[in-house]
Amino acid sequence: MENKILKICERSEGYKYEGPRYRDLGPFSGQEFREEHLLPWLNSLTDKEKGIIDFEGTAVYSPSFLEESFGGAIRKNAKNGEKLSNVSFNNIDPIWKEKVEKYIKLANKSNR
């Protein structure tokens, strides 16, 4: 299986310091990241690829950014829940990784 990596920090200089939840609250929002980077990347994953989201170089993790990015992806399309449940998260503090996984589980649960 081949790895397909989404490097958050390389999407734009701004994602080194993640922004607010929604676009109208400021730049580099979770909504913007989800719509412009995460969803296209998820949609491009094939069955032969293992998805890896790499947080290397990201200095700040905002709970609202993470929830809107990952939980929001599932709320927009339930099929994203299965894809995100199979994605690995690299170079992220275990506490934040646990939070991301919690946001994914909660969105999956509420989207059934």
N, C-alpha and C. Protein backbone atom coordinates (compact mmCIF):
# COMPACT_ATOMS: atom_id res chain seq x y z
N MET A 1 0.85 -1.18 0.00
CA MET A 1 0.00 0.00 0.00
C MET A 1 0.90 1.24 0.00
N GLU A 2 0.56 2.17 -0.82
CA GLU A 2 1.32 3.40 -0.96
C GLU A 2 0.78 4.47 -0.01
N ASN A 3 1.67 5.29 0.55
CA ASN A 3 1.26 6.38 1.43
C ASN A 3 0.97 7.64 0.62
N LYS A 4 -0.09 8.34 1.01
CA LYS A 4 -0.41 9.64 0.43
C LYS A 4 -0.48 10.62 1.61
N ILE A 5 0.41 11.60 1.58
CA ILE A 5 0.58 12.49 2.73
C ILE A 5 0.01 13.88 2.45
N LEU A 6 -0.72 14.40 3.43
CA LEU A 6 -1.19 15.78 3.42
C LEU A 6 -0.42 16.50 4.52
N LYS A 7 0.47 17.41 4.14
CA LYS A 7 1.27 18.16 5.11
C LYS A 7 0.57 19.49 5.36
N ILE A 8 0.04 19.63 6.55
CA ILE A 8 -0.75 20.81 6.89
C ILE A 8 0.05 22.09 6.72
N CYS A 9 1.25 22.12 7.21
CA CYS A 9 2.04 23.34 7.19
C CYS A 9 2.39 23.78 5.76
N GLU A 10 2.50 22.86 4.84
CA GLU A 10 2.86 23.20 3.47
C GLU A 10 1.68 23.72 2.65
N ARG A 11 0.48 23.63 3.14
CA ARG A 11 -0.69 24.10 2.39
C ARG A 11 -0.64 25.61 2.24
N SER A 12 -0.14 26.28 3.22
CA SER A 12 -0.04 27.74 3.21
C SER A 12 0.77 28.11 4.44
N GLU A 13 1.50 29.15 4.37
CA GLU A 13 2.29 29.57 5.53
C GLU A 13 1.43 29.75 6.77
N GLY A 14 0.19 30.12 6.59
CA GLY A 14 -0.68 30.40 7.73
C GLY A 14 -1.02 29.20 8.58
N TYR A 15 -0.97 28.00 8.01
CA TYR A 15 -1.37 26.83 8.79
C TYR A 15 -0.32 26.41 9.80
N LYS A 16 0.80 27.12 9.83
CA LYS A 16 1.75 26.88 10.91
C LYS A 16 1.11 27.31 12.23
N TYR A 17 0.31 28.36 12.14
CA TYR A 17 -0.45 28.86 13.29
C TYR A 17 -1.91 28.83 12.88
N GLU A 18 -2.58 27.76 13.23
CA GLU A 18 -3.95 27.57 12.76
C GLU A 18 -4.87 28.68 13.25
N GLY A 19 -5.83 29.02 12.41
CA GLY A 19 -6.74 30.11 12.70
C GLY A 19 -8.02 29.67 13.38
N PRO A 20 -9.06 30.47 13.24
CA PRO A 20 -10.34 30.21 13.90
C PRO A 20 -11.14 29.11 13.20
N ARG A 21 -12.34 28.89 13.67
CA ARG A 21 -13.21 27.87 13.11
C ARG A 21 -13.70 28.23 11.71
N TYR A 22 -14.26 29.42 11.53
CA TYR A 22 -14.91 29.79 10.28
C TYR A 22 -14.14 30.88 9.52
N ARG A 23 -14.33 30.90 8.22
CA ARG A 23 -13.68 31.90 7.35
C ARG A 23 -13.96 33.33 7.79
N ASP A 24 -15.21 33.60 8.16
CA ASP A 24 -15.57 34.98 8.48
C ASP A 24 -14.98 35.46 9.81
N LEU A 25 -14.32 34.57 10.55
CA LEU A 25 -13.69 34.95 11.81
C LEU A 25 -12.21 35.29 11.65
N GLY A 26 -11.65 34.96 10.48
CA GLY A 26 -10.25 35.29 10.26
C GLY A 26 -9.60 34.34 9.28
N PRO A 27 -8.35 34.64 8.93
CA PRO A 27 -7.63 33.82 7.94
C PRO A 27 -7.21 32.46 8.49
N PHE A 28 -6.95 31.56 7.55
CA PHE A 28 -6.44 30.21 7.86
C PHE A 28 -7.36 29.43 8.79
N SER A 29 -8.65 29.52 8.53
CA SER A 29 -9.66 28.88 9.38
C SER A 29 -9.75 27.38 9.12
N GLY A 30 -10.37 26.70 10.06
CA GLY A 30 -10.65 25.28 9.89
C GLY A 30 -11.56 25.03 8.70
N GLN A 31 -12.54 25.89 8.51
CA GLN A 31 -13.45 25.77 7.36
C GLN A 31 -12.68 25.89 6.05
N GLU A 32 -11.79 26.86 5.95
CA GLU A 32 -10.98 27.05 4.75
C GLU A 32 -10.08 25.84 4.50
N PHE A 33 -9.42 25.36 5.55
CA PHE A 33 -8.54 24.20 5.41
C PHE A 33 -9.34 22.98 4.93
N ARG A 34 -10.50 22.77 5.56
CA ARG A 34 -11.34 21.63 5.18
C ARG A 34 -11.76 21.71 3.72
N GLU A 35 -12.29 22.86 3.32
CA GLU A 35 -12.83 23.00 1.96
C GLU A 35 -11.76 23.02 0.88
N GLU A 36 -10.64 23.67 1.15
CA GLU A 36 -9.63 23.86 0.11
C GLU A 36 -8.54 22.79 0.08
N HIS A 37 -8.34 22.10 1.20
CA HIS A 37 -7.22 21.16 1.25
C HIS A 37 -7.64 19.74 1.68
N LEU A 38 -8.32 19.65 2.83
CA LEU A 38 -8.64 18.33 3.37
C LEU A 38 -9.61 17.54 2.50
N LEU A 39 -10.74 18.14 2.13
CA LEU A 39 -11.73 17.40 1.33
C LEU A 39 -11.20 17.00 -0.04
N PRO A 40 -10.52 17.89 -0.78
CA PRO A 40 -9.95 17.44 -2.06
C PRO A 40 -8.94 16.30 -1.87
N TRP A 41 -8.14 16.38 -0.82
CA TRP A 41 -7.17 15.32 -0.55
C TRP A 41 -7.88 14.01 -0.21
N LEU A 42 -8.89 14.05 0.65
CA LEU A 42 -9.65 12.84 0.99
C LEU A 42 -10.29 12.24 -0.25
N ASN A 43 -10.88 13.09 -1.08
CA ASN A 43 -11.54 12.60 -2.30
C ASN A 43 -10.56 11.98 -3.29
N SER A 44 -9.30 12.37 -3.21
CA SER A 44 -8.30 11.83 -4.13
C SER A 44 -7.70 10.50 -3.67
N LEU A 45 -7.95 10.13 -2.39
CA LEU A 45 -7.40 8.87 -1.87
C LEU A 45 -8.03 7.68 -2.60
N THR A 46 -7.19 6.74 -3.00
CA THR A 46 -7.69 5.51 -3.62
C THR A 46 -7.62 4.38 -2.60
N ASP A 47 -8.21 3.25 -2.95
CA ASP A 47 -8.17 2.08 -2.07
C ASP A 47 -6.76 1.55 -1.88
N LYS A 48 -5.87 1.92 -2.76
CA LYS A 48 -4.49 1.43 -2.70
C LYS A 48 -3.57 2.37 -1.94
N GLU A 49 -4.14 3.43 -1.38
CA GLU A 49 -3.34 4.43 -0.68
C GLU A 49 -3.71 4.51 0.79
N LYS A 50 -2.70 4.67 1.61
CA LYS A 50 -2.87 4.90 3.04
C LYS A 50 -2.71 6.39 3.28
N GLY A 51 -3.73 7.03 3.83
CA GLY A 51 -3.68 8.47 4.08
C GLY A 51 -2.95 8.80 5.36
N ILE A 52 -2.07 9.79 5.26
CA ILE A 52 -1.32 10.27 6.42
C ILE A 52 -1.43 11.79 6.45
N ILE A 53 -1.87 12.33 7.57
CA ILE A 53 -1.92 13.78 7.75
C ILE A 53 -0.76 14.15 8.67
N ASP A 54 0.13 14.98 8.14
CA ASP A 54 1.38 15.31 8.82
C ASP A 54 1.30 16.74 9.37
N PHE A 55 1.47 16.86 10.68
CA PHE A 55 1.40 18.15 11.36
C PHE A 55 2.78 18.77 11.57
N GLU A 56 3.82 18.20 11.00
CA GLU A 56 5.17 18.73 11.19
C GLU A 56 5.23 20.21 10.80
N GLY A 57 5.82 21.01 11.67
CA GLY A 57 5.94 22.44 11.40
C GLY A 57 4.75 23.26 11.86
N THR A 58 3.69 22.60 12.33
CA THR A 58 2.53 23.32 12.84
C THR A 58 2.77 23.60 14.31
N ALA A 59 2.80 24.87 14.67
CA ALA A 59 3.19 25.26 16.02
C ALA A 59 2.03 25.33 17.00
N VAL A 60 0.83 25.64 16.53
CA VAL A 60 -0.31 25.86 17.41
C VAL A 60 -1.49 25.03 16.91
N TYR A 61 -2.17 24.37 17.84
CA TYR A 61 -3.37 23.60 17.49
C TYR A 61 -4.56 24.24 18.19
N SER A 62 -5.47 24.76 17.42
CA SER A 62 -6.68 25.34 17.97
C SER A 62 -7.77 24.28 17.96
N PRO A 63 -8.42 24.02 19.09
CA PRO A 63 -9.49 23.02 19.10
C PRO A 63 -10.59 23.31 18.08
N SER A 64 -10.96 24.58 17.92
CA SER A 64 -12.03 24.90 16.97
C SER A 64 -11.57 24.67 15.53
N PHE A 65 -10.31 24.95 15.23
CA PHE A 65 -9.76 24.67 13.90
C PHE A 65 -9.81 23.17 13.63
N LEU A 66 -9.32 22.38 14.57
CA LEU A 66 -9.27 20.93 14.38
C LEU A 66 -10.67 20.33 14.28
N GLU A 67 -11.59 20.76 15.13
CA GLU A 67 -12.94 20.20 15.09
C GLU A 67 -13.64 20.56 13.79
N GLU A 68 -13.51 21.81 13.37
CA GLU A 68 -14.17 22.23 12.13
C GLU A 68 -13.56 21.54 10.92
N SER A 69 -12.25 21.34 10.93
CA SER A 69 -11.59 20.67 9.81
C SER A 69 -12.04 19.21 9.71
N PHE A 70 -11.84 18.47 10.78
CA PHE A 70 -12.04 17.02 10.74
C PHE A 70 -13.48 16.60 11.05
N GLY A 71 -14.07 17.14 12.10
CA GLY A 71 -15.48 16.86 12.37
C GLY A 71 -16.37 17.42 11.27
N GLY A 72 -16.02 18.62 10.79
CA GLY A 72 -16.79 19.26 9.73
C GLY A 72 -16.75 18.47 8.43
N ALA A 73 -15.63 17.82 8.15
CA ALA A 73 -15.53 17.00 6.93
C ALA A 73 -16.54 15.87 6.96
N ILE A 74 -16.78 15.32 8.12
CA ILE A 74 -17.75 14.23 8.27
C ILE A 74 -19.18 14.76 8.21
N ARG A 75 -19.41 15.91 8.82
CA ARG A 75 -20.75 16.49 8.76
C ARG A 75 -21.13 16.87 7.32
N LYS A 76 -20.16 17.24 6.52
CA LYS A 76 -20.43 17.59 5.11
C LYS A 76 -20.71 16.37 4.26
N ASN A 77 -20.10 15.23 4.62
CA ASN A 77 -20.29 14.00 3.85
C ASN A 77 -19.92 12.82 4.75
N ALA A 78 -20.91 12.02 5.12
CA ALA A 78 -20.70 10.90 6.05
C ALA A 78 -19.63 9.93 5.55
N LYS A 79 -19.45 9.81 4.24
CA LYS A 79 -18.43 8.89 3.70
C LYS A 79 -17.03 9.29 4.13
N ASN A 80 -16.83 10.55 4.44
CA ASN A 80 -15.53 11.01 4.90
C ASN A 80 -15.17 10.43 6.26
N GLY A 81 -16.18 10.03 7.02
CA GLY A 81 -15.93 9.45 8.34
C GLY A 81 -15.12 8.18 8.26
N GLU A 82 -15.47 7.32 7.33
CA GLU A 82 -14.72 6.07 7.16
C GLU A 82 -13.30 6.37 6.70
N LYS A 83 -13.17 7.29 5.76
CA LYS A 83 -11.84 7.65 5.26
C LYS A 83 -10.98 8.21 6.39
N LEU A 84 -11.53 9.15 7.16
CA LEU A 84 -10.75 9.76 8.25
C LEU A 84 -10.44 8.77 9.36
N SER A 85 -11.31 7.80 9.57
CA SER A 85 -11.05 6.79 10.60
C SER A 85 -9.85 5.92 10.23
N ASN A 86 -9.52 5.87 8.96
CA ASN A 86 -8.40 5.05 8.50
C ASN A 86 -7.13 5.86 8.22
N VAL A 87 -7.17 7.15 8.50
CA VAL A 87 -6.02 8.02 8.27
C VAL A 87 -5.13 8.01 9.51
N SER A 88 -3.83 8.12 9.29
CA SER A 88 -2.87 8.25 10.39
C SER A 88 -2.51 9.72 10.56
N PHE A 89 -2.21 10.11 11.77
CA PHE A 89 -1.81 11.47 12.08
C PHE A 89 -0.37 11.43 12.60
N ASN A 90 0.53 12.10 11.91
CA ASN A 90 1.95 12.11 12.26
C ASN A 90 2.38 13.47 12.78
N ASN A 91 3.43 13.43 13.60
CA ASN A 91 4.06 14.65 14.12
C ASN A 91 3.08 15.58 14.83
N ILE A 92 2.26 14.97 15.65
CA ILE A 92 1.31 15.72 16.47
C ILE A 92 1.40 15.19 17.90
N ASP A 93 1.37 16.08 18.85
CA ASP A 93 1.43 15.70 20.25
C ASP A 93 0.29 14.70 20.54
N PRO A 94 0.56 13.66 21.32
CA PRO A 94 -0.47 12.64 21.60
C PRO A 94 -1.77 13.20 22.16
N ILE A 95 -1.68 14.25 22.95
CA ILE A 95 -2.90 14.85 23.52
C ILE A 95 -3.76 15.44 22.40
N TRP A 96 -3.14 16.14 21.44
CA TRP A 96 -3.88 16.73 20.33
C TRP A 96 -4.37 15.65 19.37
N LYS A 97 -3.58 14.63 19.19
CA LYS A 97 -4.00 13.51 18.33
C LYS A 97 -5.27 12.87 18.90
N GLU A 98 -5.28 12.69 20.21
CA GLU A 98 -6.45 12.12 20.88
C GLU A 98 -7.68 13.02 20.67
N LYS A 99 -7.48 14.33 20.73
CA LYS A 99 -8.59 15.26 20.51
C LYS A 99 -9.12 15.16 19.08
N VAL A 100 -8.23 15.11 18.09
CA VAL A 100 -8.65 14.97 16.70
C VAL A 100 -9.46 13.69 16.52
N GLU A 101 -8.96 12.59 17.07
CA GLU A 101 -9.67 11.31 16.96
C GLU A 101 -11.02 11.38 17.65
N LYS A 102 -11.11 12.11 18.75
CA LYS A 102 -12.39 12.30 19.45
C LYS A 102 -13.36 13.09 18.58
N TYR A 103 -12.89 14.16 17.93
CA TYR A 103 -13.75 14.95 17.05
C TYR A 103 -14.28 14.09 15.90
N ILE A 104 -13.44 13.22 15.39
CA ILE A 104 -13.85 12.33 14.30
C ILE A 104 -14.92 11.34 14.80
N LYS A 105 -14.68 10.75 15.96
CA LYS A 105 -15.65 9.79 16.52
C LYS A 105 -16.99 10.46 16.80
N LEU A 106 -16.95 11.63 17.40
CA LEU A 106 -18.20 12.34 17.73
C LEU A 106 -18.97 12.72 16.47
N ALA A 107 -18.27 13.17 15.44
CA ALA A 107 -18.95 13.53 14.19
C ALA A 107 -19.52 12.30 13.52
N ASN A 108 -18.79 11.19 13.56
CA ASN A 108 -19.31 9.93 13.00
C ASN A 108 -20.57 9.49 13.74
N LYS A 109 -20.53 9.60 15.05
CA LYS A 109 -21.66 9.18 15.88
C LYS A 109 -22.90 10.04 15.62
N SER A 110 -22.71 11.34 15.51
CA SER A 110 -23.85 12.24 15.31
C SER A 110 -24.34 12.25 13.87
N ASN A 111 -23.55 11.71 12.96
CA ASN A 111 -23.93 11.72 11.53
C ASN A 111 -24.62 10.41 11.11
N ARG A 112 -24.90 9.55 12.04
CA ARG A 112 -25.56 8.26 11.70
C ARG A 112 -27.04 8.37 11.73
